[in-house]
C-alpha atoms as a PDB file:
ATOM      1  CA  UNK A   1      82.367  38.451 186.086  1.00  0.00           C
ATOM      2  CA  UNK A   2      79.385  36.341 185.024  1.00  0.00           C
ATOM      3  CA  UNK A   3      77.776  36.820 181.620  1.00  0.00           C
ATOM      4  CA  UNK A   4      74.732  35.523 179.748  1.00  0.00           C
ATOM      5  CA  UNK A   5      74.219  35.295 175.990  1.00  0.00           C
ATOM      6  CA  UNK A   6      70.470  35.359 175.303  1.00  0.00           C
ATOM      7  CA  UNK A   7      69.891  33.746 171.930  1.00  0.00           C
ATOM      8  CA  UNK A   8      72.304  31.334 170.270  1.00  0.00           C
ATOM      9  CA  UNK A   9      71.758  31.864 166.556  1.00  0.00           C
ATOM     10  CA  UNK A  10      74.340  33.239 164.132  1.00  0.00           C
ATOM     11  CA  UNK A  11      75.390  36.205 166.296  1.00  0.00           C
ATOM     12  CA  UNK A  12      74.990  34.491 169.651  1.00  0.00           C
ATOM     13  CA  UNK A  13      77.107  31.469 168.767  1.00  0.00           C
ATOM     14  CA  UNK A  14      79.942  33.622 167.439  1.00  0.00           C
ATOM     15  CA  UNK A  15      79.908  35.792 170.571  1.00  0.00           C
ATOM     16  CA  UNK A  16      79.968  32.644 172.720  1.00  0.00           C
ATOM     17  CA  UNK A  17      83.032  31.426 170.808  1.00  0.00           C
ATOM     18  CA  UNK A  18      84.862  34.698 171.460  1.00  0.00           C
ATOM     19  CA  UNK A  19      83.839  34.801 175.116  1.00  0.00           C
ATOM     20  CA  UNK A  20      85.159  31.287 175.613  1.00  0.00           C
ATOM     21  CA  UNK A  21      88.418  31.739 173.715  1.00  0.00           C
ATOM     22  CA  UNK A  22      89.198  35.128 175.317  1.00  0.00           C
ATOM     23  CA  UNK A  23      87.632  34.415 178.704  1.00  0.00           C
ATOM     24  CA  UNK A  24      90.632  35.442 180.789  1.00  0.00           C
ATOM     25  CA  UNK A  25      91.421  38.508 178.664  1.00  0.00           C
ATOM     26  CA  UNK A  26      87.810  39.698 178.957  1.00  0.00           C
ATOM     27  CA  UNK A  27      87.843  39.198 182.771  1.00  0.00           C
ATOM     28  CA  UNK A  28      85.008  36.634 182.641  1.00  0.00           C
ATOM     29  CA  UNK A  29      84.582  33.813 185.150  1.00  0.00           C
ATOM     30  CA  UNK A  30      81.351  32.068 184.030  1.00  0.00           C
ATOM     31  CA  UNK A  31      79.469  31.995 180.712  1.00  0.00           C
ATOM     32  CA  UNK A  32      75.810  31.095 180.417  1.00  0.00           C
ATOM     33  CA  UNK A  33      73.656  30.834 177.280  1.00  0.00           C
ATOM     34  CA  UNK A  34      69.846  30.967 177.092  1.00  0.00           C
ATOM     35  CA  UNK A  35      68.143  28.783 174.504  1.00  0.00           C
ATOM     36  CA  UNK A  36      64.696  30.298 174.071  1.00  0.00           C
ATOM     37  CA  UNK A  37      63.087  27.583 171.937  1.00  0.00           C
ATOM     38  CA  UNK A  38      62.576  23.891 172.534  1.00  0.00           C
ATOM     39  CA  UNK A  39      65.538  21.523 172.478  1.00  0.00           C
ATOM     40  CA  UNK A  40      64.790  18.483 170.327  1.00  0.00           C
ATOM     41  CA  UNK A  41      66.760  15.670 168.705  1.00  0.00           C
ATOM     42  CA  UNK A  42      67.350  17.699 165.539  1.00  0.00           C
ATOM     43  CA  UNK A  43      68.988  20.672 167.325  1.00  0.00           C
ATOM     44  CA  UNK A  44      70.497  18.942 170.334  1.00  0.00           C
ATOM     45  CA  UNK A  45      73.902  18.553 168.657  1.00  0.00           C
ATOM     46  CA  UNK A  46      74.535  22.318 168.419  1.00  0.00           C
ATOM     47  CA  UNK A  47      73.764  22.583 172.163  1.00  0.00           C
ATOM     48  CA  UNK A  48      76.367  19.895 172.846  1.00  0.00           C
ATOM     49  CA  UNK A  49      78.956  21.840 170.794  1.00  0.00           C
ATOM     50  CA  UNK A  50      78.358  24.903 172.983  1.00  0.00           C
ATOM     51  CA  UNK A  51      78.559  22.908 176.207  1.00  0.00           C
ATOM     52  CA  UNK A  52      81.860  21.325 175.109  1.00  0.00           C
ATOM     53  CA  UNK A  53      83.367  24.843 175.087  1.00  0.00           C
ATOM     54  CA  UNK A  54      82.470  25.267 178.741  1.00  0.00           C
ATOM     55  CA  UNK A  55      79.218  27.229 178.322  1.00  0.00           C
ATOM     56  CA  UNK A  56      76.343  26.388 180.706  1.00  0.00           C
ATOM     57  CA  UNK A  57      73.124  26.219 178.663  1.00  0.00           C
ATOM     58  CA  UNK A  58      69.907  27.387 180.339  1.00  0.00           C
ATOM     59  CA  UNK A  59      66.328  27.185 179.178  1.00  0.00           C
ATOM     60  CA  UNK A  60      62.854  28.138 180.320  1.00  0.00           C
ATOM     61  CA  UNK A  61      60.958  24.943 179.617  1.00  0.00           C
ATOM     62  CA  UNK A  62      63.328  22.081 178.716  1.00  0.00           C
ATOM     63  CA  UNK A  63      63.834  19.267 181.198  1.00  0.00           C
ATOM     64  CA  UNK A  64      67.409  18.182 181.742  1.00  0.00           C
ATOM     65  CA  UNK A  65      68.786  21.731 181.438  1.00  0.00           C
ATOM     66  CA  UNK A  66      69.338  24.402 184.032  1.00  0.00           C
ATOM     67  CA  UNK A  67      66.365  26.730 184.473  1.00  0.00           C
ATOM     68  CA  UNK A  68      67.210  30.354 183.682  1.00  0.00           C
ATOM     69  CA  UNK A  69      65.468  31.557 186.848  1.00  0.00           C
ATOM     70  CA  UNK A  70      67.987  29.668 188.986  1.00  0.00           C
ATOM     71  CA  UNK A  71      70.959  31.757 187.769  1.00  0.00           C
ATOM     72  CA  UNK A  72      69.584  35.032 186.420  1.00  0.00           C
ATOM     73  CA  UNK A  73      70.074  37.007 189.651  1.00  0.00           C
ATOM     74  CA  UNK A  74      73.844  36.508 189.604  1.00  0.00           C
ATOM     75  CA  UNK A  75      74.358  37.676 185.988  1.00  0.00           C
ATOM     76  CA  UNK A  76      76.509  40.831 185.632  1.00  0.00           C
ATOM     77  CA  UNK A  77      76.036  41.384 181.884  1.00  0.00           C
ATOM     78  CA  UNK A  78      73.643  40.159 179.189  1.00  0.00           C
ATOM     79  CA  UNK A  79      74.363  39.963 175.438  1.00  0.00           C
ATOM     80  CA  UNK A  80      70.867  39.938 173.887  1.00  0.00           C
ATOM     81  CA  UNK A  81      71.220  38.363 170.449  1.00  0.00           C
ATOM     82  CA  UNK A  82      67.558  38.186 169.524  1.00  0.00           C
ATOM     83  CA  UNK A  83      65.832  40.016 166.644  1.00  0.00           C
ATOM     84  CA  UNK A  84      62.336  40.909 165.509  1.00  0.00           C
ATOM     85  CA  UNK A  85      61.592  43.043 168.622  1.00  0.00           C
ATOM     86  CA  UNK A  86      62.354  40.251 171.128  1.00  0.00           C
ATOM     87  CA  UNK A  87      65.242  42.343 172.480  1.00  0.00           C
ATOM     88  CA  UNK A  88      62.835  45.189 173.198  1.00  0.00           C
ATOM     89  CA  UNK A  89      60.395  42.788 174.839  1.00  0.00           C
ATOM     90  CA  UNK A  90      63.239  41.421 177.004  1.00  0.00           C
ATOM     91  CA  UNK A  91      64.296  44.880 178.136  1.00  0.00           C
ATOM     92  CA  UNK A  92      61.452  45.036 180.651  1.00  0.00           C
ATOM     93  CA  UNK A  93      62.730  41.759 182.159  1.00  0.00           C
ATOM     94  CA  UNK A  94      66.313  43.043 182.260  1.00  0.00           C
ATOM     95  CA  UNK A  95      65.219  46.284 183.919  1.00  0.00           C
ATOM     96  CA  UNK A  96      63.846  44.241 186.830  1.00  0.00           C
ATOM     97  CA  UNK A  97      67.168  42.473 187.482  1.00  0.00           C
ATOM     98  CA  UNK A  98      68.713  44.286 190.456  1.00  0.00           C
ATOM     99  CA  UNK A  99      72.243  42.904 190.030  1.00  0.00           C
ATOM    100  CA  UNK A 100      72.504  43.407 186.278  1.00  0.00           C
ATOM    101  CA  UNK A 101      75.180  46.014 185.472  1.00  0.00           C
ATOM    102  CA  UNK A 102      74.890  46.192 181.688  1.00  0.00           C
ATOM    103  CA  UNK A 103      73.276  44.844 178.565  1.00  0.00           C
ATOM    104  CA  UNK A 104      73.406  45.169 174.773  1.00  0.00           C
ATOM    105  CA  UNK A 105      71.019  44.270 171.975  1.00  0.00           C
ATOM    106  CA  UNK A 106      71.526  43.926 168.218  1.00  0.00           C
ATOM    107  CA  UNK A 107      70.635  45.815 165.004  1.00  0.00           C
ATOM    108  CA  UNK A 108      66.876  45.664 164.741  1.00  0.00           C
ATOM    109  CA  UNK A 109      66.325  46.587 168.425  1.00  0.00           C
ATOM    110  CA  UNK A 110      67.011  50.273 167.862  1.00  0.00           C
ATOM    111  CA  UNK A 111      65.124  51.704 170.883  1.00  0.00           C
ATOM    112  CA  UNK A 112      66.847  49.305 173.302  1.00  0.00           C
ATOM    113  CA  UNK A 113      69.475  51.865 174.325  1.00  0.00           C
ATOM    114  CA  UNK A 114      71.967  54.381 173.033  1.00  0.00           C
ATOM    115  CA  UNK A 115      73.299  53.352 169.609  1.00  0.00           C
ATOM    116  CA  UNK A 116      76.967  52.311 169.516  1.00  0.00           C
ATOM    117  CA  UNK A 117      79.697  51.383 167.057  1.00  0.00           C
ATOM    118  CA  UNK A 118      83.315  50.829 167.995  1.00  0.00           C
ATOM    119  CA  UNK A 119      85.527  53.685 166.906  1.00  0.00           C
ATOM    120  CA  UNK A 120      82.645  56.125 166.450  1.00  0.00           C
ATOM    121  CA  UNK A 121      81.197  56.989 169.869  1.00  0.00           C
ATOM    122  CA  UNK A 122      83.199  55.002 172.449  1.00  0.00           C
ATOM    123  CA  UNK A 123      82.999  57.706 175.129  1.00  0.00           C
ATOM    124  CA  UNK A 124      79.219  58.144 174.786  1.00  0.00           C
ATOM    125  CA  UNK A 125      78.264  54.756 176.254  1.00  0.00           C
ATOM    126  CA  UNK A 126      80.407  54.925 179.390  1.00  0.00           C
ATOM    127  CA  UNK A 127      78.127  54.290 182.405  1.00  0.00           C
ATOM    128  CA  UNK A 128      75.185  53.421 180.103  1.00  0.00           C
ATOM    129  CA  UNK A 129      73.312  50.313 181.230  1.00  0.00           C
ATOM    130  CA  UNK A 130      71.483  49.617 177.920  1.00  0.00           C
ATOM    131  CA  UNK A 131      73.289  49.846 174.585  1.00  0.00           C
ATOM    132  CA  UNK A 132      72.096  49.198 171.042  1.00  0.00           C
ATOM    133  CA  UNK A 133      74.700  47.735 168.641  1.00  0.00           C
ATOM    134  CA  UNK A 134      74.010  49.228 165.231  1.00  0.00           C
ATOM    135  CA  UNK A 135      73.436  46.993 162.207  1.00  0.00           C
ATOM    136  CA  UNK A 136      76.004  45.582 159.796  1.00  0.00           C
ATOM    137  CA  UNK A 137      75.041  48.109 157.077  1.00  0.00           C
ATOM    138  CA  UNK A 138      75.309  50.993 159.555  1.00  0.00           C
ATOM    139  CA  UNK A 139      78.815  49.777 160.404  1.00  0.00           C
ATOM    140  CA  UNK A 140      79.807  49.673 156.736  1.00  0.00           C
ATOM    141  CA  UNK A 141      78.412  53.115 155.787  1.00  0.00           C
ATOM    142  CA  UNK A 142      79.863  54.760 158.902  1.00  0.00           C
ATOM    143  CA  UNK A 143      83.323  53.318 158.281  1.00  0.00           C
ATOM    144  CA  UNK A 144      83.253  54.297 154.597  1.00  0.00           C
ATOM    145  CA  UNK A 145      82.401  57.911 155.500  1.00  0.00           C
ATOM    146  CA  UNK A 146      85.046  58.293 158.216  1.00  0.00           C
ATOM    147  CA  UNK A 147      87.764  56.396 156.361  1.00  0.00           C
ATOM    148  CA  UNK A 148      87.354  57.959 152.918  1.00  0.00           C
ATOM    149  CA  UNK A 149      87.058  61.402 154.579  1.00  0.00           C
ATOM    150  CA  UNK A 150      90.449  60.720 156.106  1.00  0.00           C
ATOM    151  CA  UNK A 151      88.758  61.172 159.487  1.00  0.00           C
ATOM    152  CA  UNK A 152      87.962  64.814 158.727  1.00  0.00           C
ATOM    153  CA  UNK A 153      84.135  65.111 158.626  1.00  0.00           C
ATOM    154  CA  UNK A 154      84.402  68.898 158.260  1.00  0.00           C
ATOM    155  CA  UNK A 155      85.526  68.118 154.674  1.00  0.00           C
ATOM    156  CA  UNK A 156      82.526  65.801 154.025  1.00  0.00           C
ATOM    157  CA  UNK A 157      79.541  67.318 152.183  1.00  0.00           C
ATOM    158  CA  UNK A 158      77.179  64.449 151.332  1.00  0.00           C
ATOM    159  CA  UNK A 159      76.919  60.730 150.696  1.00  0.00           C
ATOM    160  CA  UNK A 160      74.562  58.524 148.705  1.00  0.00           C
ATOM    161  CA  UNK A 161      74.489  54.757 149.315  1.00  0.00           C
ATOM    162  CA  UNK A 162      72.753  51.848 147.564  1.00  0.00           C
ATOM    163  CA  UNK A 163      72.683  48.710 149.694  1.00  0.00           C
ATOM    164  CA  UNK A 164      72.495  45.461 147.699  1.00  0.00           C
ATOM    165  CA  UNK A 165      71.260  42.997 150.277  1.00  0.00           C
ATOM    166  CA  UNK A 166      71.385  39.273 150.539  1.00  0.00           C
ATOM    167  CA  UNK A 167      67.959  37.996 151.437  1.00  0.00           C
ATOM    168  CA  UNK A 168      68.626  35.524 154.256  1.00  0.00           C
ATOM    169  CA  UNK A 169      71.246  33.900 156.476  1.00  0.00           C
ATOM    170  CA  UNK A 170      72.711  30.601 155.348  1.00  0.00           C
ATOM    171  CA  UNK A 171      70.734  27.845 156.975  1.00  0.00           C
ATOM    172  CA  UNK A 172      67.499  29.874 157.075  1.00  0.00           C
ATOM    173  CA  UNK A 173      64.729  30.132 154.528  1.00  0.00           C
ATOM    174  CA  UNK A 174      62.043  32.446 155.973  1.00  0.00           C
ATOM    175  CA  UNK A 175      62.964  35.552 153.935  1.00  0.00           C
ATOM    176  CA  UNK A 176      64.296  34.109 150.681  1.00  0.00           C
ATOM    177  CA  UNK A 177      63.235  36.014 147.562  1.00  0.00           C
ATOM    178  CA  UNK A 178      62.995  34.815 143.944  1.00  0.00           C
ATOM    179  CA  UNK A 179      63.729  38.182 142.314  1.00  0.00           C
ATOM    180  CA  UNK A 180      65.213  41.596 143.114  1.00  0.00           C
ATOM    181  CA  UNK A 181      62.975  43.432 145.618  1.00  0.00           C
ATOM    182  CA  UNK A 182      63.204  47.179 146.279  1.00  0.00           C
ATOM    183  CA  UNK A 183      62.818  48.595 149.800  1.00  0.00           C
ATOM    184  CA  UNK A 184      60.474  51.446 150.545  1.00  0.00           C
ATOM    185  CA  UNK A 185      62.052  54.812 151.331  1.00  0.00           C
ATOM    186  CA  UNK A 186      60.971  55.606 154.886  1.00  0.00           C
ATOM    187  CA  UNK A 187      61.848  59.289 154.459  1.00  0.00           C
ATOM    188  CA  UNK A 188      61.667  61.199 151.156  1.00  0.00           C
ATOM    189  CA  UNK A 189      64.911  63.089 151.817  1.00  0.00           C
ATOM    190  CA  UNK A 190      66.967  60.459 153.679  1.00  0.00           C
ATOM    191  CA  UNK A 191      65.676  57.205 152.163  1.00  0.00           C
ATOM    192  CA  UNK A 192      65.828  53.798 153.828  1.00  0.00           C
ATOM    193  CA  UNK A 193      66.582  53.088 157.486  1.00  0.00           C
ATOM    194  CA  UNK A 194      70.294  52.613 156.720  1.00  0.00           C
ATOM    195  CA  UNK A 195      71.000  56.360 156.266  1.00  0.00           C
ATOM    196  CA  UNK A 196      68.562  57.179 159.059  1.00  0.00           C
ATOM    197  CA  UNK A 197      70.416  54.876 161.450  1.00  0.00           C
ATOM    198  CA  UNK A 198      73.827  56.250 160.476  1.00  0.00           C
ATOM    199  CA  UNK A 199      72.580  59.817 161.027  1.00  0.00           C
ATOM    200  CA  UNK A 200      71.185  58.829 164.428  1.00  0.00           C
ATOM    201  CA  UNK A 201      74.507  57.143 165.383  1.00  0.00           C
ATOM    202  CA  UNK A 202      76.535  60.271 164.613  1.00  0.00           C
ATOM    203  CA  UNK A 203      73.983  62.488 166.349  1.00  0.00           C
ATOM    204  CA  UNK A 204      74.902  60.762 169.650  1.00  0.00           C
ATOM    205  CA  UNK A 205      78.141  62.803 169.390  1.00  0.00           C
ATOM    206  CA  UNK A 206      76.358  65.876 167.992  1.00  0.00           C
ATOM    207  CA  UNK A 207      77.552  65.412 164.424  1.00  0.00           C
ATOM    208  CA  UNK A 208      75.140  65.953 161.540  1.00  0.00           C
ATOM    209  CA  UNK A 209      75.605  64.053 158.263  1.00  0.00           C
ATOM    210  CA  UNK A 210      73.961  64.785 154.897  1.00  0.00           C
ATOM    211  CA  UNK A 211      73.389  61.300 153.536  1.00  0.00           C
ATOM    212  CA  UNK A 212      70.828  59.226 151.621  1.00  0.00           C
ATOM    213  CA  UNK A 213      70.320  55.491 151.117  1.00  0.00           C
ATOM    214  CA  UNK A 214      68.336  53.052 148.996  1.00  0.00           C
ATOM    215  CA  UNK A 215      68.102  49.291 149.250  1.00  0.00           C
ATOM    216  CA  UNK A 216      67.498  46.310 146.962  1.00  0.00           C
ATOM    217  CA  UNK A 217      67.298  42.678 148.154  1.00  0.00           C
ATOM    218  CA  UNK A 218      68.649  39.966 145.861  1.00  0.00           C
ATOM    219  CA  UNK A 219      68.253  36.162 145.694  1.00  0.00           C
ATOM    220  CA  UNK A 220      71.552  35.535 147.519  1.00  0.00           C
ATOM    221  CA  UNK A 221      72.472  34.144 150.926  1.00  0.00           C
ATOM    222  CA  UNK A 222      76.122  35.223 150.980  1.00  0.00           C
ATOM    223  CA  UNK A 223      77.010  38.917 151.471  1.00  0.00           C
ATOM    224  CA  UNK A 224      75.593  42.432 151.273  1.00  0.00           C
ATOM    225  CA  UNK A 225      77.297  45.020 149.041  1.00  0.00           C
ATOM    226  CA  UNK A 226      77.147  48.806 148.963  1.00  0.00           C
ATOM    227  CA  UNK A 227      77.630  51.322 146.096  1.00  0.00           C
ATOM    228  CA  UNK A 228      78.862  54.582 147.630  1.00  0.00           C
ATOM    229  CA  UNK A 229      79.037  58.126 146.252  1.00  0.00           C
ATOM    230  CA  UNK A 230      80.772  60.635 148.576  1.00  0.00           C
ATOM    231  CA  UNK A 231      81.210  64.347 147.922  1.00  0.00           C
ATOM    232  CA  UNK A 232      83.788  66.537 149.669  1.00  0.00           C
ATOM    233  CA  UNK A 233      84.776  70.177 149.883  1.00  0.00           C
ATOM    234  CA  UNK A 234      88.118  69.023 148.567  1.00  0.00           C
ATOM    235  CA  UNK A 235      88.525  65.405 147.548  1.00  0.00           C
ATOM    236  CA  UNK A 236      91.397  63.717 149.478  1.00  0.00           C
ATOM    237  CA  UNK A 237      94.444  62.695 147.488  1.00  0.00           C
ATOM    238  CA  UNK A 238      94.582  59.051 146.482  1.00  0.00           C
ATOM    239  CA  UNK A 239      97.674  58.649 148.642  1.00  0.00           C
ATOM    240  CA  UNK A 240      95.759  60.081 151.628  1.00  0.00           C
ATOM    241  CA  UNK A 241      92.856  57.687 151.004  1.00  0.00           C
ATOM    242  CA  UNK A 242      95.215  54.689 150.814  1.00  0.00           C
ATOM    243  CA  UNK A 243      96.929  55.779 154.055  1.00  0.00           C
ATOM    244  CA  UNK A 244      93.583  56.245 155.797  1.00  0.00           C
ATOM    245  CA  UNK A 245      92.332  52.821 154.710  1.00  0.00           C
ATOM    246  CA  UNK A 246      95.585  51.166 155.835  1.00  0.00           C
ATOM    247  CA  UNK A 247      95.386  52.962 159.172  1.00  0.00           C
ATOM    248  CA  UNK A 248      91.850  51.739 159.874  1.00  0.00           C
ATOM    249  CA  UNK A 249      92.150  48.179 161.068  1.00  0.00           C
ATOM    250  CA  UNK A 250      88.378  47.752 160.874  1.00  0.00           C
ATOM    251  CA  UNK A 251      88.316  48.206 157.098  1.00  0.00           C
ATOM    252  CA  UNK A 252      89.712  45.680 154.619  1.00  0.00           C
ATOM    253  CA  UNK A 253      90.605  45.744 150.925  1.00  0.00           C
ATOM    254  CA  UNK A 254      90.069  43.320 148.067  1.00  0.00           C
ATOM    255  CA  UNK A 255      90.818  43.237 144.366  1.00  0.00           C
ATOM    256  CA  UNK A 256      88.181  40.516 143.885  1.00  0.00           C
ATOM    257  CA  UNK A 257      84.818  41.228 142.294  1.00  0.00           C
ATOM    258  CA  UNK A 258      82.852  38.151 143.384  1.00  0.00           C
ATOM    259  CA  UNK A 259      81.256  38.072 146.847  1.00  0.00           C
ATOM    260  CA  UNK A 260      81.147  34.281 146.798  1.00  0.00           C
ATOM    261  CA  UNK A 261      84.942  34.128 146.598  1.00  0.00           C
ATOM    262  CA  UNK A 262      85.407  36.507 149.525  1.00  0.00           C
ATOM    263  CA  UNK A 263      82.706  34.694 151.513  1.00  0.00           C
ATOM    264  CA  UNK A 264      84.440  31.354 150.914  1.00  0.00           C
ATOM    265  CA  UNK A 265      87.841  32.747 151.919  1.00  0.00           C
ATOM    266  CA  UNK A 266      86.310  33.982 155.144  1.00  0.00           C
ATOM    267  CA  UNK A 267      84.735  30.575 155.761  1.00  0.00           C
ATOM    268  CA  UNK A 268      88.123  28.901 155.300  1.00  0.00           C
ATOM    269  CA  UNK A 269      90.617  31.261 156.917  1.00  0.00           C
ATOM    270  CA  UNK A 270      88.852  33.677 159.269  1.00  0.00           C
ATOM    271  CA  UNK A 271      88.196  32.970 162.945  1.00  0.00           C
ATOM    272  CA  UNK A 272      84.868  31.179 163.543  1.00  0.00           C
ATOM    273  CA  UNK A 273      84.386  31.139 159.745  1.00  0.00           C
ATOM    274  CA  UNK A 274      83.172  34.759 159.887  1.00  0.00           C
ATOM    275  CA  UNK A 275      84.302  38.020 158.316  1.00  0.00           C
ATOM    276  CA  UNK A 276      84.689  40.804 160.895  1.00  0.00           C
ATOM    277  CA  UNK A 277      85.657  43.833 158.755  1.00  0.00           C
ATOM    278  CA  UNK A 278      83.236  46.761 158.850  1.00  0.00           C
ATOM    279  CA  UNK A 279      83.551  46.958 155.054  1.00  0.00           C
ATOM    280  CA  UNK A 280      85.713  45.299 152.398  1.00  0.00           C
ATOM    281  CA  UNK A 281      86.471  47.972 149.798  1.00  0.00           C
ATOM    282  CA  UNK A 282      87.009  46.961 146.176  1.00  0.00           C
ATOM    283  CA  UNK A 283      90.273  48.924 145.928  1.00  0.00           C
ATOM    284  CA  UNK A 284      90.935  48.532 142.189  1.00  0.00           C
ATOM    285  CA  UNK A 285      87.501  49.800 141.193  1.00  0.00           C
ATOM    286  CA  UNK A 286      87.283  53.287 142.724  1.00  0.00           C
ATOM    287  CA  UNK A 287      86.002  56.261 140.722  1.00  0.00           C
ATOM    288  CA  UNK A 288      87.968  59.394 141.593  1.00  0.00           C
ATOM    289  CA  UNK A 289      86.311  62.624 140.421  1.00  0.00           C
ATOM    290  CA  UNK A 290      88.573  65.648 141.057  1.00  0.00           C
ATOM    291  CA  UNK A 291      86.262  68.075 139.173  1.00  0.00           C
ATOM    292  CA  UNK A 292      83.205  67.356 141.323  1.00  0.00           C
ATOM    293  CA  UNK A 293      85.224  66.294 144.402  1.00  0.00           C
ATOM    294  CA  UNK A 294      83.678  62.826 144.611  1.00  0.00           C
ATOM    295  CA  UNK A 295      84.801  59.312 145.398  1.00  0.00           C
ATOM    296  CA  UNK A 296      82.586  56.469 144.156  1.00  0.00           C
ATOM    297  CA  UNK A 297      82.903  52.737 144.366  1.00  0.00           C
ATOM    298  CA  UNK A 298      81.825  49.412 145.832  1.00  0.00           C
ATOM    299  CA  UNK A 299      82.388  47.597 149.103  1.00  0.00           C
ATOM    300  CA  UNK A 300      81.281  44.186 150.389  1.00  0.00           C
ATOM    301  CA  UNK A 301      79.610  44.012 153.790  1.00  0.00           C
ATOM    302  CA  UNK A 302      80.166  41.063 156.194  1.00  0.00           C
ATOM    303  CA  UNK A 303      76.662  40.969 157.616  1.00  0.00           C
ATOM    304  CA  UNK A 304      76.462  40.267 161.370  1.00  0.00           C
ATOM    305  CA  UNK A 305      80.193  39.493 161.617  1.00  0.00           C
ATOM    306  CA  UNK A 306      81.063  43.180 161.498  1.00  0.00           C
ATOM    307  CA  UNK A 307      78.903  43.951 164.518  1.00  0.00           C
ATOM    308  CA  UNK A 308      80.539  41.349 166.785  1.00  0.00           C
ATOM    309  CA  UNK A 309      83.627  43.360 167.802  1.00  0.00           C
ATOM    310  CA  UNK A 310      81.419  46.383 168.603  1.00  0.00           C
ATOM    311  CA  UNK A 311      79.338  44.093 170.837  1.00  0.00           C
ATOM    312  CA  UNK A 312      82.444  42.965 172.750  1.00  0.00           C
ATOM    313  CA  UNK A 313      83.770  46.553 172.912  1.00  0.00           C
ATOM    314  CA  UNK A 314      80.419  47.791 174.337  1.00  0.00           C
ATOM    315  CA  UNK A 315      80.668  45.139 177.073  1.00  0.00           C
ATOM    316  CA  UNK A 316      84.171  46.278 178.011  1.00  0.00           C
ATOM    317  CA  UNK A 317      83.226  49.944 178.158  1.00  0.00           C
ATOM    318  CA  UNK A 318      79.973  49.384 180.046  1.00  0.00           C
ATOM    319  CA  UNK A 319      81.719  47.181 182.586  1.00  0.00           C
ATOM    320  CA  UNK A 320      84.468  49.786 183.071  1.00  0.00           C
ATOM    321  CA  UNK A 321      87.324  47.441 182.134  1.00  0.00           C
ATOM    322  CA  UNK A 322      90.315  49.768 182.471  1.00  0.00           C
ATOM    323  CA  UNK A 323      92.365  48.440 179.562  1.00  0.00           C
ATOM    324  CA  UNK A 324      89.390  48.074 177.167  1.00  0.00           C
ATOM    325  CA  UNK A 325      91.118  49.852 174.245  1.00  0.00           C
ATOM    326  CA  UNK A 326      94.113  47.535 174.495  1.00  0.00           C
ATOM    327  CA  UNK A 327      91.875  44.474 174.662  1.00  0.00           C
ATOM    328  CA  UNK A 328      89.698  45.492 171.701  1.00  0.00           C
ATOM    329  CA  UNK A 329      92.815  46.334 169.632  1.00  0.00           C
ATOM    330  CA  UNK A 330      94.104  42.821 170.266  1.00  0.00           C
ATOM    331  CA  UNK A 331      90.790  41.272 169.173  1.00  0.00           C
ATOM    332  CA  UNK A 332      90.789  43.385 166.004  1.00  0.00           C
ATOM    333  CA  UNK A 333      94.315  42.323 165.169  1.00  0.00           C
ATOM    334  CA  UNK A 334      93.435  38.662 165.792  1.00  0.00           C
ATOM    335  CA  UNK A 335      90.153  38.690 163.888  1.00  0.00           C
ATOM    336  CA  UNK A 336      90.296  41.259 161.065  1.00  0.00           C
ATOM    337  CA  UNK A 337      92.467  40.661 158.007  1.00  0.00           C
ATOM    338  CA  UNK A 338      93.566  43.733 156.025  1.00  0.00           C
ATOM    339  CA  UNK A 339      93.084  42.093 152.617  1.00  0.00           C
ATOM    340  CA  UNK A 340      90.911  39.443 151.064  1.00  0.00           C
END
């Protein structure tokens, strides 16, 4: 199977690392990467790092590199890792490729295809050619709801979430802010796009959620956080919550209160220097309200990293890899740590 990663930024480079390291497991024979911008002396080194792993780098207008048009017709699957509507723009191009069997795009490209998150709607994307991988915050909120509900959404009444966002990726500076900045509520009953996106994700399996979200961006480049407030018909026992968290390999725990400490631990000890948990729950700081049947607390969100495994899982499902659940379980065990 021949694959192409279109865009080699934060998400694209991590996906390339996984594809190279698990090439045989993922049934891949050749890996190509498309660099969309000019290759110059200042960014040539990162291209060399990618090539050293066995990736063939293609471009559209750089001499000395393979032209994308020379290989595009033999590509089986494309991982689109662009943002800011470029994925949507590329979809018209992908639709014209007769041999392309599947494709996925990331967070911001919501209309690219059916929304997907591993563990939520695996069966829905079977035989789908175009799949949208939901954002890092959508992953976190969705996992918090299902995990703290003990996987019984019939017991879940409502949820309210406040996302505390970092402003920019490390290494970038386009969206840095100098003070706390509130986000506009896009809907006066649902709030920001985070709750809207989670509702849309669960609607793919005909499940309706009563949730709201707000958002504030802070002058940080490390991690997002989320303050959650969940109400139930009957609040699960603490022992049930602990069992549910321990049973969900995609969710991690921490007793630490500083995101910079968790971020640094991930940089040191996690594969590719990334955190892959859907959410990292601050386990010694939960508020447990038995009178109003609520659980409240905080979780840290590994932005971008927590979407990567869903991206690989979508590829396996779309390409009809028979043992996809076994493969994705192995990746989760290899890449997600239960505690930080």
